[in-house]
Amino acid sequence: MGDDASMILMLDHITLATPAEKRRQTLERLCGYSVRFSEEGLPNIAAKQPLFQRPHASHELIKLDSPAGYPLEVVVYDACRGLSGLSVRQDEAEIWIPTQDAAGSAAFWQNFGLCPAEDDPALLAGKGPLDRMPVKIRLLEGRGGQKAWLDQEGPVALAFIVTHHADLQKKLLQQGFAVSGADDLSVNGKALRISFAASGYGDIAEIISVGRPVPAGGMQ
């Protein structure tokens, strides 16, 4: 990956939000994916709240893997509002993200080790030491306009396993991006430390580290 590769171990998953009433249809559309684990009744931590359009007390989580695609995490809410602009193009192994400012979005994702390709500046790519395949984001400038939310229907965020969690949060804040505090959550028997960052141009990243509790906090 890029200059921040030492902080980024891997893309853990792409988060795909769906309302409870469409849970079955959403899972049926994900051909080639198998369920690694699922959990119901997980609380929505404080770090997520500023990125919701309305309050959601809890969610169901379904972690999915595919030998040929990016790992997915289906998050089932009681309801979703609006559609996400993100799309996962499995044939090209690219994640398409509409943005209001391609340069701003590129600067945001470079903090996660993704760098512009020399021959295609709209394509950001990188591969962490634990990634099975390269991570590729294609920025679609001029196709944004709506604010990105975690409770829109469809792919909504990219989640990374990181080291030096607090250092990455500080770096993002210093660049003017919105960054939440970190909260603790046990998922599939693992103690996770989770925060979120948003570019303000249509990009949301989930920042995850394993095992060290920290105080809860809200978006700054």
Protein backbone atom coordinates (compact mmCIF):
# COMPACT_ATOMS: atom_id res chain seq x y z
CA MET A 1 0.00 0.00 0.00
CA GLY A 2 1.07 3.66 0.26
CA ASP A 3 2.83 5.71 2.94
CA ASP A 4 0.35 4.61 5.62
CA ALA A 5 0.76 0.90 4.88
CA SER A 6 2.28 0.27 8.31
CA MET A 7 -1.08 1.17 9.89
CA ILE A 8 -3.31 -0.79 7.51
CA LEU A 9 -3.31 -4.57 7.75
CA MET A 10 -6.22 -5.38 5.46
CA LEU A 11 -9.64 -4.54 4.11
CA ASP A 12 -11.80 -6.49 6.54
CA HIS A 13 -15.04 -6.04 4.62
CA ILE A 14 -17.33 -3.83 2.62
CA THR A 15 -20.43 -2.98 4.67
CA LEU A 16 -23.73 -3.53 2.89
CA ALA A 17 -26.80 -2.16 4.67
CA THR A 18 -30.26 -3.60 4.15
CA PRO A 19 -33.66 -3.14 5.82
CA ALA A 20 -35.07 -6.14 7.68
CA GLU A 21 -37.87 -6.54 5.13
CA LYS A 22 -35.30 -7.11 2.35
CA ARG A 23 -32.87 -9.30 4.29
CA ARG A 24 -33.69 -12.49 2.41
CA GLN A 25 -33.59 -10.89 -1.05
CA THR A 26 -30.27 -9.22 -0.29
CA LEU A 27 -28.62 -12.48 0.73
CA GLU A 28 -30.07 -14.36 -2.25
CA ARG A 29 -28.50 -11.85 -4.65
CA LEU A 30 -25.00 -12.47 -3.29
CA CYS A 31 -24.16 -15.45 -5.47
CA GLY A 32 -20.86 -17.16 -4.70
CA TYR A 33 -20.76 -15.94 -1.10
CA SER A 34 -20.90 -18.16 1.98
CA VAL A 35 -21.70 -17.14 5.56
CA ARG A 36 -18.71 -17.09 7.89
CA PHE A 37 -20.77 -16.09 10.95
CA SER A 38 -23.79 -14.04 11.97
CA GLU A 39 -24.97 -12.28 15.12
CA GLU A 40 -28.27 -10.70 16.06
CA GLY A 41 -29.01 -7.87 18.46
CA LEU A 42 -25.64 -6.14 18.29
CA PRO A 43 -25.84 -2.62 19.75
CA ASN A 44 -25.09 0.32 17.50
CA ILE A 45 -22.13 1.97 19.18
CA ALA A 46 -21.92 5.72 19.78
CA ALA A 47 -19.31 6.07 17.02
CA LYS A 48 -21.96 5.20 14.40
CA GLN A 49 -24.67 7.58 15.56
CA PRO A 50 -23.58 10.75 13.67
CA LEU A 51 -23.63 8.70 10.45
CA PHE A 52 -27.24 7.59 10.87
CA GLN A 53 -30.20 9.46 9.39
CA ARG A 54 -32.37 8.22 12.26
CA PRO A 55 -31.63 6.30 15.48
CA HIS A 56 -31.20 2.53 15.32
CA ALA A 57 -30.78 0.72 18.63
CA SER A 58 -29.32 -2.52 17.27
CA HIS A 59 -28.57 -4.50 14.13
CA GLU A 60 -27.98 -7.99 12.80
CA LEU A 61 -24.58 -8.70 11.27
CA ILE A 62 -23.87 -11.35 8.64
CA LYS A 63 -20.23 -11.81 7.58
CA LEU A 64 -19.79 -13.28 4.09
CA ASP A 65 -16.79 -14.55 2.15
CA SER A 66 -16.18 -15.34 -1.49
CA PRO A 67 -13.09 -16.95 -3.03
CA ALA A 68 -13.27 -14.49 -5.92
CA GLY A 69 -14.58 -11.27 -4.35
CA TYR A 70 -14.18 -8.78 -1.55
CA PRO A 71 -15.45 -9.89 1.88
CA LEU A 72 -18.85 -8.43 2.74
CA GLU A 73 -20.65 -7.63 5.97
CA VAL A 74 -24.42 -7.39 5.59
CA VAL A 75 -25.85 -5.16 8.32
CA VAL A 76 -29.60 -5.49 8.82
CA TYR A 77 -31.39 -2.44 10.28
CA ASP A 78 -35.05 -2.04 11.13
CA ALA A 79 -35.25 0.36 8.17
CA CYS A 80 -33.02 2.11 5.63
CA ARG A 81 -33.60 5.49 4.01
CA GLY A 82 -32.47 6.17 0.46
CA LEU A 83 -29.95 4.31 -1.68
CA SER A 84 -26.20 4.35 -1.38
CA GLY A 85 -24.28 5.51 -4.43
CA LEU A 86 -21.51 2.96 -3.91
CA SER A 87 -21.31 -0.20 -6.00
CA VAL A 88 -19.08 -3.26 -5.96
CA ARG A 89 -18.03 -4.33 -9.45
CA GLN A 90 -16.92 -7.90 -8.89
CA ASP A 91 -15.96 -8.49 -12.54
CA GLU A 92 -13.43 -5.64 -12.41
CA ALA A 93 -12.69 -6.22 -8.70
CA GLU A 94 -13.36 -2.51 -8.17
CA ILE A 95 -15.38 -0.52 -5.66
CA TRP A 96 -17.05 2.45 -7.36
CA ILE A 97 -17.60 5.49 -5.14
CA PRO A 98 -19.36 8.66 -6.35
CA THR A 99 -17.66 11.78 -5.02
CA GLN A 100 -18.23 15.50 -4.96
CA ASP A 101 -14.46 16.10 -5.00
CA ALA A 102 -12.14 13.44 -6.47
CA ALA A 103 -9.00 15.09 -5.07
CA GLY A 104 -10.51 15.26 -1.58
CA SER A 105 -11.67 11.66 -1.74
CA ALA A 106 -8.27 10.51 -2.99
CA ALA A 107 -6.58 12.31 -0.10
CA PHE A 108 -8.97 10.60 2.32
CA TRP A 109 -8.31 7.09 1.00
CA GLN A 110 -4.55 7.58 0.87
CA ASN A 111 -4.69 7.47 4.67
CA PHE A 112 -5.79 3.86 4.20
CA GLY A 113 -2.87 3.00 1.94
CA LEU A 114 -4.69 3.41 -1.37
CA CYS A 115 -2.79 5.40 -3.98
CA PRO A 116 -3.75 6.73 -7.44
CA ALA A 117 -2.61 4.64 -10.38
CA GLU A 118 -0.04 6.42 -12.55
CA ASP A 119 -2.02 5.86 -15.74
CA ASP A 120 -5.48 6.28 -14.21
CA PRO A 121 -5.75 8.85 -11.38
CA ALA A 122 -9.41 7.98 -10.76
CA LEU A 123 -8.33 4.47 -9.72
CA LEU A 124 -6.89 4.05 -6.22
CA ALA A 125 -5.23 0.77 -5.33
CA GLY A 126 -3.27 -0.90 -2.57
CA LYS A 127 -2.72 -4.24 -0.84
CA GLY A 128 -2.13 -4.70 2.87
CA PRO A 129 0.01 -7.52 4.29
CA LEU A 130 -3.09 -9.56 5.17
CA ASP A 131 -5.15 -8.78 2.06
CA ARG A 132 -5.87 -11.74 -0.20
CA MET A 133 -6.33 -9.48 -3.23
CA PRO A 134 -5.58 -5.83 -4.07
CA VAL A 135 -8.14 -3.26 -2.96
CA LYS A 136 -9.26 -1.03 -5.84
CA ILE A 137 -11.48 2.06 -5.58
CA ARG A 138 -12.68 3.95 -8.63
CA LEU A 139 -13.75 7.52 -7.87
CA LEU A 140 -16.67 8.81 -9.92
CA GLU A 141 -16.42 12.60 -9.74
CA GLY A 142 -19.56 14.60 -10.41
CA ARG A 143 -21.86 11.70 -9.63
CA GLY A 144 -22.12 12.56 -5.94
CA GLY A 145 -24.40 15.13 -4.39
CA GLN A 146 -26.15 13.25 -1.64
CA LYS A 147 -24.55 12.83 1.75
CA ALA A 148 -23.27 9.37 2.61
CA TRP A 149 -24.97 7.59 5.53
CA LEU A 150 -24.53 4.19 7.15
CA ASP A 151 -28.28 3.50 7.00
CA GLN A 152 -28.70 3.98 3.27
CA GLU A 153 -29.52 0.78 1.42
CA GLY A 154 -26.60 -0.86 -0.37
CA PRO A 155 -22.80 -0.73 0.10
CA VAL A 156 -22.07 2.11 2.52
CA ALA A 157 -18.54 1.83 3.94
CA LEU A 158 -15.16 0.14 3.71
CA ALA A 159 -13.81 -1.39 6.94
CA PHE A 160 -10.09 -1.79 7.58
CA ILE A 161 -8.15 -3.67 10.25
CA VAL A 162 -5.46 -1.31 11.48
CA THR A 163 -2.63 -0.90 13.92
CA HIS A 164 -1.90 2.43 15.66
CA HIS A 165 -5.62 3.20 15.75
CA ALA A 166 -5.29 6.49 17.63
CA ASP A 167 -2.47 7.69 15.36
CA LEU A 168 -4.64 7.10 12.28
CA GLN A 169 -7.55 8.96 13.87
CA LYS A 170 -5.29 11.89 14.70
CA LYS A 171 -3.87 11.99 11.18
CA LEU A 172 -7.35 12.09 9.65
CA LEU A 173 -8.47 14.82 12.04
CA GLN A 174 -5.41 16.93 11.22
CA GLN A 175 -6.39 16.77 7.55
CA GLY A 176 -9.86 18.09 8.33
CA PHE A 177 -11.85 14.87 8.00
CA ALA A 178 -14.63 13.92 10.42
CA VAL A 179 -13.52 11.19 12.82
CA SER A 180 -15.49 9.55 15.60
CA GLY A 181 -14.21 8.45 18.95
CA ALA A 182 -13.54 4.74 19.39
CA ASP A 183 -15.93 2.30 21.07
CA ASP A 184 -15.58 -1.29 22.20
CA LEU A 185 -17.74 -4.04 20.76
CA SER A 186 -17.53 -7.81 21.01
CA VAL A 187 -18.19 -9.46 17.63
CA ASN A 188 -17.96 -13.20 17.06
CA GLY A 189 -16.12 -13.58 20.34
CA LYS A 190 -13.51 -10.93 19.53
CA ALA A 191 -13.05 -7.66 21.40
CA LEU A 192 -12.93 -4.94 18.77
CA ARG A 193 -12.12 -1.26 18.96
CA ILE A 194 -14.10 0.61 16.31
CA SER A 195 -14.28 4.16 15.01
CA PHE A 196 -15.49 5.81 11.80
CA ALA A 197 -14.15 8.47 9.47
CA ALA A 198 -15.97 10.42 6.75
CA SER A 199 -14.48 12.57 4.02
CA GLY A 200 -17.50 14.82 3.55
CA TYR A 201 -17.41 14.04 -0.19
CA GLY A 202 -19.19 10.66 -0.13
CA ASP A 203 -16.63 8.34 1.51
CA ILE A 204 -17.03 6.47 4.83
CA ALA A 205 -14.37 4.23 6.39
CA GLU A 206 -14.69 2.00 9.43
CA ILE A 207 -11.49 1.70 11.45
CA ILE A 208 -11.07 -1.53 13.44
CA SER A 209 -8.37 -2.76 15.77
CA VAL A 210 -8.46 -5.85 17.92
CA GLY A 211 -8.32 -6.31 21.62
CA ARG A 212 -7.59 -3.00 23.40
CA PRO A 213 -10.48 -1.19 25.15
CA VAL A 214 -10.76 2.59 24.79
CA PRO A 215 -13.20 5.22 26.09
CA ALA A 216 -16.35 5.82 24.04
CA GLY A 217 -16.65 9.03 22.08
CA GLY A 218 -18.64 10.90 19.46
CA MET A 219 -17.87 12.39 16.07
CA GLN A 220 -15.56 15.40 16.24
